[in-house]
Amino acid sequence: MPKPRTLPKIIIGLLINKGELTGKQMLDVFNNDLSEFWKVSHSQLYPELKRMVAEKSVTINSSRQYSVTNLGKEQFDQWLNEPITFENRDLFALKIFFVRDGKSSTLVSLLRNELAVHGSHLEHLKTRYDVLFNSRSQIDENYGHYLVLTRAISRERDYLVWLDQVLLLAVNDRMLND
């Protein structure tokens, strides 16, 4: 089964947030704003833009600026609200990047979903730890694996704390404005 195309959603998100952009301007945004968690090359972007024009999710004007169509906006909203699983967890940072309102129900939903996914993953890691390292001799025999697993547990715990904090802020902001 082919992997879903994510680049079109990113392009549409950029156009929604920034307005009309040329391909060069999009590459600049990728390099300056998204490069910490998503990279794209010239050879990926331009064929995708051509495909998106043909699919009518974006249009291009005589100044070579792209803009999003209503169809593109619908596709983006649908993608933004699709649940994230552990298999596609890399999309979380990308999706929240495009959330403009800290009080939005979309943000709250994304955060709750992410908490569930990573809470479940933390439980899995802790179970693996209990099975593999329930004695000092097991730790000593597989010390590298022990280090990697304890780091993964620590990383998940820290991430869950951050998610809890951000969710609390988002929920409190929503309550203050309702």
N, C-alpha and C. Protein backbone atom coordinates (compact mmCIF):
# COMPACT_ATOMS: atom_id res chain seq x y z
N MET A 1 0.84 -1.18 0.00
CA MET A 1 0.00 0.00 0.00
C MET A 1 0.89 1.24 0.00
N PRO A 2 0.65 2.17 -0.92
CA PRO A 2 1.50 3.36 -0.97
C PRO A 2 1.30 4.25 0.25
N LYS A 3 2.37 4.89 0.63
CA LYS A 3 2.34 5.81 1.75
C LYS A 3 1.58 7.08 1.35
N PRO A 4 0.72 7.61 2.23
CA PRO A 4 -0.01 8.84 1.89
C PRO A 4 0.96 9.99 1.62
N ARG A 5 0.58 10.84 0.70
CA ARG A 5 1.40 12.01 0.36
C ARG A 5 1.19 13.08 1.42
N THR A 6 2.25 13.44 2.11
CA THR A 6 2.18 14.45 3.15
C THR A 6 2.56 15.83 2.62
N LEU A 7 3.47 15.88 1.68
CA LEU A 7 3.94 17.16 1.16
C LEU A 7 2.80 18.06 0.68
N PRO A 8 1.78 17.54 -0.01
CA PRO A 8 0.69 18.44 -0.41
C PRO A 8 0.00 19.11 0.78
N LYS A 9 -0.13 18.40 1.88
CA LYS A 9 -0.78 18.98 3.06
C LYS A 9 0.09 20.10 3.64
N ILE A 10 1.39 19.90 3.62
CA ILE A 10 2.30 20.94 4.12
C ILE A 10 2.21 22.18 3.24
N ILE A 11 2.22 21.97 1.94
CA ILE A 11 2.13 23.08 1.00
C ILE A 11 0.84 23.85 1.23
N ILE A 12 -0.27 23.14 1.34
CA ILE A 12 -1.55 23.81 1.56
C ILE A 12 -1.54 24.55 2.89
N GLY A 13 -0.99 23.94 3.93
CA GLY A 13 -0.89 24.61 5.23
C GLY A 13 -0.09 25.90 5.14
N LEU A 14 1.00 25.87 4.40
CA LEU A 14 1.80 27.08 4.22
C LEU A 14 1.00 28.16 3.50
N LEU A 15 0.28 27.78 2.47
CA LEU A 15 -0.51 28.74 1.71
C LEU A 15 -1.66 29.31 2.55
N ILE A 16 -2.26 28.47 3.39
CA ILE A 16 -3.32 28.96 4.26
C ILE A 16 -2.75 29.96 5.26
N ASN A 17 -1.61 29.63 5.84
CA ASN A 17 -1.03 30.48 6.89
C ASN A 17 -0.34 31.73 6.35
N LYS A 18 0.26 31.64 5.17
CA LYS A 18 1.09 32.74 4.68
C LYS A 18 0.52 33.45 3.46
N GLY A 19 -0.53 32.90 2.86
CA GLY A 19 -1.08 33.51 1.65
C GLY A 19 -0.34 33.02 0.42
N GLU A 20 -0.47 33.73 -0.68
CA GLU A 20 0.16 33.33 -1.93
C GLU A 20 1.67 33.29 -1.79
N LEU A 21 2.27 32.22 -2.35
CA LEU A 21 3.73 32.06 -2.31
C LEU A 21 4.21 31.50 -3.63
N THR A 22 5.41 31.88 -4.01
CA THR A 22 6.08 31.24 -5.14
C THR A 22 6.74 29.96 -4.63
N GLY A 23 7.17 29.13 -5.53
CA GLY A 23 7.90 27.93 -5.12
C GLY A 23 9.16 28.29 -4.35
N LYS A 24 9.86 29.30 -4.78
CA LYS A 24 11.08 29.76 -4.10
C LYS A 24 10.77 30.21 -2.67
N GLN A 25 9.68 30.95 -2.51
CA GLN A 25 9.29 31.39 -1.17
C GLN A 25 8.93 30.20 -0.28
N MET A 26 8.29 29.19 -0.86
CA MET A 26 7.98 27.98 -0.09
C MET A 26 9.26 27.29 0.37
N LEU A 27 10.22 27.18 -0.53
CA LEU A 27 11.50 26.56 -0.16
C LEU A 27 12.16 27.33 0.98
N ASP A 28 12.06 28.65 0.95
CA ASP A 28 12.61 29.47 2.03
C ASP A 28 11.91 29.17 3.36
N VAL A 29 10.59 29.02 3.33
CA VAL A 29 9.85 28.69 4.55
C VAL A 29 10.28 27.32 5.06
N PHE A 30 10.40 26.36 4.15
CA PHE A 30 10.86 25.03 4.56
C PHE A 30 12.23 25.13 5.23
N ASN A 31 13.13 25.86 4.62
CA ASN A 31 14.49 25.95 5.15
C ASN A 31 14.58 26.73 6.45
N ASN A 32 13.72 27.73 6.63
CA ASN A 32 13.80 28.58 7.82
C ASN A 32 12.89 28.14 8.95
N ASP A 33 11.69 27.68 8.63
CA ASP A 33 10.70 27.42 9.67
C ASP A 33 10.44 25.95 9.95
N LEU A 34 10.56 25.12 8.95
CA LEU A 34 10.21 23.71 9.09
C LEU A 34 11.40 22.77 9.15
N SER A 35 12.58 23.27 8.97
CA SER A 35 13.75 22.40 8.79
C SER A 35 14.09 21.56 10.02
N GLU A 36 13.60 21.95 11.19
CA GLU A 36 13.88 21.14 12.38
C GLU A 36 13.18 19.79 12.34
N PHE A 37 12.06 19.71 11.59
CA PHE A 37 11.33 18.45 11.58
C PHE A 37 10.81 18.03 10.21
N TRP A 38 11.06 18.81 9.17
CA TRP A 38 10.65 18.40 7.83
C TRP A 38 11.55 19.07 6.80
N LYS A 39 12.00 18.29 5.86
CA LYS A 39 12.87 18.81 4.81
C LYS A 39 12.26 18.50 3.45
N VAL A 40 12.49 19.39 2.51
CA VAL A 40 12.04 19.17 1.14
C VAL A 40 13.07 19.77 0.21
N SER A 41 13.23 19.12 -0.92
CA SER A 41 14.18 19.63 -1.91
C SER A 41 13.43 20.25 -3.08
N HIS A 42 14.16 21.01 -3.86
CA HIS A 42 13.64 21.63 -5.08
C HIS A 42 13.02 20.54 -5.97
N SER A 43 13.71 19.42 -6.09
CA SER A 43 13.26 18.35 -6.98
C SER A 43 12.01 17.63 -6.45
N GLN A 44 11.68 17.80 -5.19
CA GLN A 44 10.44 17.25 -4.63
C GLN A 44 9.30 18.27 -4.75
N LEU A 45 9.61 19.52 -4.45
CA LEU A 45 8.57 20.54 -4.35
C LEU A 45 7.90 20.83 -5.70
N TYR A 46 8.68 21.11 -6.72
CA TYR A 46 8.08 21.56 -7.98
C TYR A 46 7.23 20.49 -8.68
N PRO A 47 7.64 19.23 -8.71
CA PRO A 47 6.73 18.22 -9.29
C PRO A 47 5.44 18.08 -8.46
N GLU A 48 5.56 18.22 -7.15
CA GLU A 48 4.37 18.13 -6.30
C GLU A 48 3.43 19.30 -6.58
N LEU A 49 3.98 20.50 -6.72
CA LEU A 49 3.14 21.66 -7.04
C LEU A 49 2.43 21.45 -8.38
N LYS A 50 3.13 20.94 -9.36
CA LYS A 50 2.53 20.68 -10.68
C LYS A 50 1.38 19.68 -10.53
N ARG A 51 1.59 18.63 -9.76
CA ARG A 51 0.56 17.62 -9.53
C ARG A 51 -0.64 18.23 -8.81
N MET A 52 -0.38 19.10 -7.84
CA MET A 52 -1.46 19.72 -7.07
C MET A 52 -2.28 20.68 -7.92
N VAL A 53 -1.64 21.37 -8.85
CA VAL A 53 -2.38 22.24 -9.78
C VAL A 53 -3.30 21.36 -10.64
N ALA A 54 -2.79 20.25 -11.13
CA ALA A 54 -3.59 19.34 -11.95
C ALA A 54 -4.76 18.76 -11.14
N GLU A 55 -4.54 18.51 -9.86
CA GLU A 55 -5.59 17.97 -8.98
C GLU A 55 -6.55 19.05 -8.47
N LYS A 56 -6.23 20.29 -8.76
CA LYS A 56 -7.05 21.45 -8.41
C LYS A 56 -7.11 21.74 -6.90
N SER A 57 -6.07 21.37 -6.18
CA SER A 57 -5.99 21.75 -4.76
C SER A 57 -5.27 23.08 -4.58
N VAL A 58 -4.50 23.48 -5.61
CA VAL A 58 -3.88 24.81 -5.64
C VAL A 58 -3.99 25.36 -7.05
N THR A 59 -3.85 26.68 -7.15
CA THR A 59 -3.81 27.34 -8.45
C THR A 59 -2.50 28.12 -8.53
N ILE A 60 -2.14 28.48 -9.74
CA ILE A 60 -0.94 29.31 -9.95
C ILE A 60 -1.34 30.48 -10.84
N ASN A 61 -0.86 31.68 -10.47
CA ASN A 61 -1.21 32.87 -11.26
C ASN A 61 -0.05 33.25 -12.18
N SER A 62 -0.22 34.32 -12.92
CA SER A 62 0.79 34.74 -13.90
C SER A 62 2.09 35.19 -13.25
N SER A 63 2.06 35.52 -11.96
CA SER A 63 3.28 35.90 -11.23
C SER A 63 3.97 34.68 -10.61
N ARG A 64 3.49 33.49 -10.99
CA ARG A 64 4.06 32.21 -10.49
C ARG A 64 3.83 32.03 -8.99
N GLN A 65 2.79 32.65 -8.48
CA GLN A 65 2.43 32.47 -7.07
C GLN A 65 1.30 31.45 -6.99
N TYR A 66 1.43 30.59 -5.99
CA TYR A 66 0.44 29.55 -5.77
C TYR A 66 -0.53 30.01 -4.69
N SER A 67 -1.78 29.58 -4.82
CA SER A 67 -2.77 29.83 -3.78
C SER A 67 -3.62 28.57 -3.63
N VAL A 68 -4.20 28.43 -2.46
CA VAL A 68 -4.97 27.23 -2.16
C VAL A 68 -6.42 27.42 -2.62
N THR A 69 -7.01 26.34 -3.10
CA THR A 69 -8.41 26.36 -3.53
C THR A 69 -9.29 25.88 -2.37
N ASN A 70 -10.59 25.99 -2.55
CA ASN A 70 -11.52 25.46 -1.53
C ASN A 70 -11.34 23.96 -1.36
N LEU A 71 -11.11 23.26 -2.47
CA LEU A 71 -10.85 21.82 -2.40
C LEU A 71 -9.61 21.55 -1.55
N GLY A 72 -8.56 22.32 -1.78
CA GLY A 72 -7.33 22.16 -1.00
C GLY A 72 -7.58 22.41 0.49
N LYS A 73 -8.36 23.44 0.81
CA LYS A 73 -8.68 23.72 2.21
C LYS A 73 -9.45 22.57 2.84
N GLU A 74 -10.40 22.01 2.10
CA GLU A 74 -11.16 20.86 2.62
C GLU A 74 -10.23 19.67 2.88
N GLN A 75 -9.33 19.39 1.95
CA GLN A 75 -8.38 18.29 2.10
C GLN A 75 -7.48 18.52 3.32
N PHE A 76 -7.05 19.76 3.50
CA PHE A 76 -6.18 20.09 4.63
C PHE A 76 -6.91 19.90 5.96
N ASP A 77 -8.13 20.42 6.05
CA ASP A 77 -8.91 20.27 7.29
C ASP A 77 -9.15 18.80 7.61
N GLN A 78 -9.45 18.01 6.59
CA GLN A 78 -9.66 16.58 6.80
C GLN A 78 -8.38 15.93 7.33
N TRP A 79 -7.26 16.24 6.72
CA TRP A 79 -5.97 15.68 7.15
C TRP A 79 -5.63 16.11 8.57
N LEU A 80 -5.85 17.38 8.89
CA LEU A 80 -5.53 17.91 10.21
C LEU A 80 -6.31 17.17 11.29
N ASN A 81 -7.52 16.74 10.97
CA ASN A 81 -8.37 16.08 11.96
C ASN A 81 -8.27 14.56 11.94
N GLU A 82 -7.46 13.99 11.06
CA GLU A 82 -7.25 12.54 11.07
C GLU A 82 -6.44 12.16 12.30
N PRO A 83 -6.84 11.09 13.00
CA PRO A 83 -6.08 10.70 14.20
C PRO A 83 -4.65 10.27 13.87
N ILE A 84 -3.78 10.53 14.82
CA ILE A 84 -2.39 10.13 14.69
C ILE A 84 -2.21 8.82 15.46
N THR A 85 -1.51 7.90 14.85
CA THR A 85 -1.20 6.63 15.49
C THR A 85 0.30 6.59 15.79
N PHE A 86 0.74 5.54 16.44
CA PHE A 86 2.16 5.44 16.72
C PHE A 86 2.95 5.30 15.41
N GLU A 87 2.35 4.68 14.41
CA GLU A 87 3.04 4.48 13.14
C GLU A 87 3.24 5.80 12.38
N ASN A 88 2.33 6.74 12.52
CA ASN A 88 2.49 8.02 11.81
C ASN A 88 2.72 9.17 12.79
N ARG A 89 3.33 8.88 13.93
CA ARG A 89 3.52 9.86 15.00
C ARG A 89 4.36 11.07 14.60
N ASP A 90 5.15 10.94 13.54
CA ASP A 90 5.96 12.07 13.08
C ASP A 90 5.10 13.23 12.58
N LEU A 91 3.84 12.94 12.29
CA LEU A 91 2.96 13.99 11.77
C LEU A 91 2.48 14.95 12.85
N PHE A 92 2.61 14.59 14.12
CA PHE A 92 2.10 15.45 15.19
C PHE A 92 2.74 16.84 15.15
N ALA A 93 4.06 16.90 15.12
CA ALA A 93 4.75 18.20 15.10
C ALA A 93 4.33 18.99 13.86
N LEU A 94 4.19 18.31 12.76
CA LEU A 94 3.79 18.98 11.53
C LEU A 94 2.38 19.55 11.65
N LYS A 95 1.47 18.76 12.19
CA LYS A 95 0.09 19.23 12.31
C LYS A 95 -0.02 20.40 13.29
N ILE A 96 0.65 20.31 14.44
CA ILE A 96 0.50 21.43 15.38
C ILE A 96 1.20 22.68 14.87
N PHE A 97 2.17 22.53 13.99
CA PHE A 97 2.82 23.69 13.39
C PHE A 97 1.79 24.58 12.69
N PHE A 98 0.78 23.96 12.12
CA PHE A 98 -0.21 24.71 11.35
C PHE A 98 -1.40 25.19 12.19
N VAL A 99 -1.42 24.87 13.48
CA VAL A 99 -2.50 25.36 14.34
C VAL A 99 -2.16 26.80 14.72
N ARG A 100 -3.01 27.70 14.34
CA ARG A 100 -2.74 29.13 14.58
C ARG A 100 -3.35 29.62 15.88
N ASP A 101 -4.38 28.94 16.37
CA ASP A 101 -5.11 29.39 17.55
C ASP A 101 -4.86 28.43 18.70
N GLY A 102 -4.24 28.92 19.77
CA GLY A 102 -3.94 28.09 20.93
C GLY A 102 -5.16 27.61 21.67
N LYS A 103 -6.32 28.12 21.32
CA LYS A 103 -7.56 27.73 21.97
C LYS A 103 -8.41 26.81 21.10
N SER A 104 -7.88 26.40 19.96
CA SER A 104 -8.70 25.66 19.00
C SER A 104 -9.02 24.24 19.48
N SER A 105 -10.18 23.79 19.10
CA SER A 105 -10.57 22.41 19.42
C SER A 105 -9.67 21.42 18.70
N THR A 106 -9.16 21.80 17.53
CA THR A 106 -8.24 20.93 16.79
C THR A 106 -6.98 20.69 17.61
N LEU A 107 -6.43 21.74 18.21
CA LEU A 107 -5.23 21.59 19.03
C LEU A 107 -5.51 20.67 20.22
N VAL A 108 -6.60 20.89 20.90
CA VAL A 108 -6.95 20.07 22.07
C VAL A 108 -7.09 18.61 21.64
N SER A 109 -7.75 18.36 20.52
CA SER A 109 -7.92 17.00 20.03
C SER A 109 -6.57 16.36 19.68
N LEU A 110 -5.71 17.11 18.98
CA LEU A 110 -4.38 16.59 18.64
C LEU A 110 -3.58 16.26 19.90
N LEU A 111 -3.63 17.13 20.89
CA LEU A 111 -2.88 16.89 22.12
C LEU A 111 -3.41 15.68 22.88
N ARG A 112 -4.71 15.56 22.98
CA ARG A 112 -5.29 14.39 23.67
C ARG A 112 -4.94 13.10 22.96
N ASN A 113 -5.00 13.12 21.65
CA ASN A 113 -4.64 11.94 20.87
C ASN A 113 -3.17 11.58 21.09
N GLU A 114 -2.32 12.59 21.07
CA GLU A 114 -0.88 12.36 21.25
C GLU A 114 -0.59 11.80 22.65
N LEU A 115 -1.30 12.30 23.65
CA LEU A 115 -1.15 11.78 25.00
C LEU A 115 -1.52 10.30 25.06
N ALA A 116 -2.60 9.93 24.41
CA ALA A 116 -3.03 8.53 24.41
C ALA A 116 -2.01 7.64 23.70
N VAL A 117 -1.54 8.09 22.54
CA VAL A 117 -0.58 7.30 21.76
C VAL A 117 0.71 7.09 22.55
N HIS A 118 1.24 8.16 23.13
CA HIS A 118 2.52 8.05 23.82
C HIS A 118 2.39 7.47 25.22
N GLY A 119 1.23 7.64 25.84
CA GLY A 119 0.99 6.96 27.11
C GLY A 119 1.01 5.46 26.93
N SER A 120 0.38 5.00 25.86
CA SER A 120 0.38 3.57 25.53
C SER A 120 1.79 3.09 25.21
N HIS A 121 2.54 3.89 24.49
CA HIS A 121 3.91 3.50 24.15
C HIS A 121 4.79 3.43 25.40
N LEU A 122 4.60 4.37 26.33
CA LEU A 122 5.36 4.33 27.58
C LEU A 122 5.05 3.04 28.34
N GLU A 123 3.80 2.65 28.40
CA GLU A 123 3.44 1.40 29.09
C GLU A 123 4.10 0.21 28.42
N HIS A 124 4.15 0.21 27.10
CA HIS A 124 4.83 -0.86 26.37
C HIS A 124 6.32 -0.91 26.75
N LEU A 125 6.97 0.26 26.77
CA LEU A 125 8.40 0.30 27.12
C LEU A 125 8.64 -0.19 28.55
N LYS A 126 7.79 0.21 29.47
CA LYS A 126 7.95 -0.22 30.86
C LYS A 126 7.74 -1.73 31.00
N THR A 127 6.82 -2.27 30.25
CA THR A 127 6.61 -3.73 30.26
C THR A 127 7.84 -4.44 29.72
N ARG A 128 8.41 -3.91 28.63
CA ARG A 128 9.64 -4.51 28.08
C ARG A 128 10.76 -4.46 29.12
N TYR A 129 10.87 -3.34 29.80
CA TYR A 129 11.89 -3.20 30.84
C TYR A 129 11.70 -4.27 31.92
N ASP A 130 10.48 -4.44 32.39
CA ASP A 130 10.20 -5.43 33.44
C ASP A 130 10.53 -6.85 32.99
N VAL A 131 10.31 -7.15 31.72
CA VAL A 131 10.58 -8.48 31.19
C VAL A 131 12.09 -8.70 31.00
N LEU A 132 12.75 -7.71 30.47
CA LEU A 132 14.16 -7.87 30.10
C LEU A 132 15.15 -7.61 31.22
N PHE A 133 14.79 -6.73 32.16
CA PHE A 133 15.79 -6.28 33.13
C PHE A 133 15.27 -6.34 34.56
N ASN A 134 14.85 -7.51 34.98
CA ASN A 134 14.35 -7.64 36.34
C ASN A 134 15.42 -8.10 37.33
N SER A 135 16.66 -8.12 36.89
CA SER A 135 17.76 -8.46 37.81
C SER A 135 19.03 -7.72 37.37
N ARG A 136 19.93 -7.57 38.30
CA ARG A 136 21.20 -6.89 38.00
C ARG A 136 21.99 -7.66 36.94
N SER A 137 21.92 -8.98 36.98
CA SER A 137 22.67 -9.77 35.99
C SER A 137 22.13 -9.55 34.58
N GLN A 138 20.81 -9.39 34.45
CA GLN A 138 20.24 -9.13 33.12
C GLN A 138 20.70 -7.76 32.60
N ILE A 139 20.79 -6.80 33.49
CA ILE A 139 21.28 -5.47 33.10
C ILE A 139 22.73 -5.57 32.66
N ASP A 140 23.55 -6.25 33.47
CA ASP A 140 24.97 -6.38 33.16
C ASP A 140 25.22 -7.12 31.84
N GLU A 141 24.40 -8.10 31.52
CA GLU A 141 24.58 -8.90 30.31
C GLU A 141 24.19 -8.13 29.04
N ASN A 142 23.32 -7.14 29.18
CA ASN A 142 22.82 -6.38 28.03
C ASN A 142 22.79 -4.90 28.36
N TYR A 143 23.93 -4.40 28.81
CA TYR A 143 23.97 -3.03 29.34
C TYR A 143 23.60 -1.97 28.30
N GLY A 144 24.05 -2.13 27.07
CA GLY A 144 23.71 -1.17 26.02
C GLY A 144 22.21 -1.12 25.78
N HIS A 145 21.60 -2.29 25.70
CA HIS A 145 20.14 -2.36 25.51
C HIS A 145 19.43 -1.71 26.71
N TYR A 146 19.93 -1.96 27.90
CA TYR A 146 19.37 -1.35 29.11
C TYR A 146 19.43 0.18 29.01
N LEU A 147 20.56 0.71 28.58
CA LEU A 147 20.71 2.17 28.45
C LEU A 147 19.73 2.74 27.43
N VAL A 148 19.62 2.08 26.29
CA VAL A 148 18.72 2.56 25.24
C VAL A 148 17.27 2.53 25.72
N LEU A 149 16.88 1.46 26.38
CA LEU A 149 15.50 1.33 26.85
C LEU A 149 15.19 2.32 27.96
N THR A 150 16.11 2.51 28.90
CA THR A 150 15.84 3.49 29.97
C THR A 150 15.80 4.91 29.41
N ARG A 151 16.59 5.20 28.39
CA ARG A 151 16.52 6.51 27.76
C ARG A 151 15.18 6.70 27.05
N ALA A 152 14.70 5.67 26.39
CA ALA A 152 13.40 5.75 25.71
C ALA A 152 12.28 5.98 26.72
N ILE A 153 12.35 5.32 27.86
CA ILE A 153 11.35 5.52 28.92
C ILE A 153 11.41 6.94 29.44
N SER A 154 12.60 7.44 29.68
CA SER A 154 12.77 8.81 30.16
C SER A 154 12.25 9.82 29.14
N ARG A 155 12.56 9.59 27.88
CA ARG A 155 12.11 10.50 26.81
C ARG A 155 10.59 10.54 26.74
N GLU A 156 9.95 9.37 26.82
CA GLU A 156 8.48 9.33 26.77
C GLU A 156 7.87 10.01 27.99
N ARG A 157 8.43 9.80 29.16
CA ARG A 157 7.91 10.48 30.36
C ARG A 157 8.01 11.99 30.23
N ASP A 158 9.16 12.48 29.79
CA ASP A 158 9.35 13.92 29.61
C ASP A 158 8.36 14.48 28.58
N TYR A 159 8.17 13.75 27.51
CA TYR A 159 7.27 14.19 26.46
C TYR A 159 5.83 14.26 26.98
N LEU A 160 5.44 13.26 27.77
CA LEU A 160 4.09 13.25 28.33
C LEU A 160 3.87 14.42 29.30
N VAL A 161 4.90 14.78 30.05
CA VAL A 161 4.80 15.94 30.94
C VAL A 161 4.57 17.20 30.11
N TRP A 162 5.34 17.36 29.04
CA TRP A 162 5.18 18.52 28.17
C TRP A 162 3.77 18.56 27.56
N LEU A 163 3.31 17.40 27.06
CA LEU A 163 1.97 17.35 26.48
C LEU A 163 0.90 17.72 27.49
N ASP A 164 1.03 17.22 28.72
CA ASP A 164 0.08 17.58 29.78
C ASP A 164 0.05 19.08 30.02
N GLN A 165 1.22 19.69 30.07
CA GLN A 165 1.31 21.13 30.31
C GLN A 165 0.66 21.93 29.18
N VAL A 166 0.95 21.57 27.95
CA VAL A 166 0.40 22.29 26.81
C VAL A 166 -1.11 22.08 26.73
N LEU A 167 -1.58 20.86 27.00
CA LEU A 167 -3.01 20.59 26.99
C LEU A 167 -3.72 21.40 28.07
N LEU A 168 -3.14 21.47 29.24
CA LEU A 168 -3.74 22.25 30.33
C LEU A 168 -3.88 23.73 29.92
N LEU A 169 -2.82 24.27 29.30
CA LEU A 169 -2.89 25.65 28.82
C LEU A 169 -3.99 25.83 27.78
N ALA A 170 -4.05 24.92 26.84
CA ALA A 170 -5.05 25.03 25.76
C ALA A 170 -6.46 24.92 26.32
N VAL A 171 -6.69 23.99 27.23
CA VAL A 171 -8.02 23.81 27.81
C VAL A 171 -8.39 25.02 28.65
N ASN A 172 -7.45 25.50 29.47
CA ASN A 172 -7.74 26.69 30.29
C ASN A 172 -8.03 27.91 29.42
N ASP A 173 -7.27 28.10 28.35
CA ASP A 173 -7.52 29.21 27.44
C ASP A 173 -8.90 29.11 26.81
N ARG A 174 -9.29 27.90 26.43
CA ARG A 174 -10.63 27.71 25.84
C ARG A 174 -11.71 28.04 26.85
N MET A 175 -11.52 27.61 28.10
CA MET A 175 -12.53 27.84 29.14
C MET A 175 -12.67 29.34 29.44
N LEU A 176 -11.55 30.05 29.43
CA LEU A 176 -11.59 31.50 29.69
C LEU A 176 -12.33 32.25 28.60
N ASN A 177 -12.28 31.74 27.38
CA ASN A 177 -12.87 32.45 26.25
C ASN A 177 -14.25 31.93 25.86
N ASP A 178 -14.74 30.91 26.52
CA ASP A 178 -16.09 30.39 26.21
C ASP A 178 -17.15 31.08 27.03
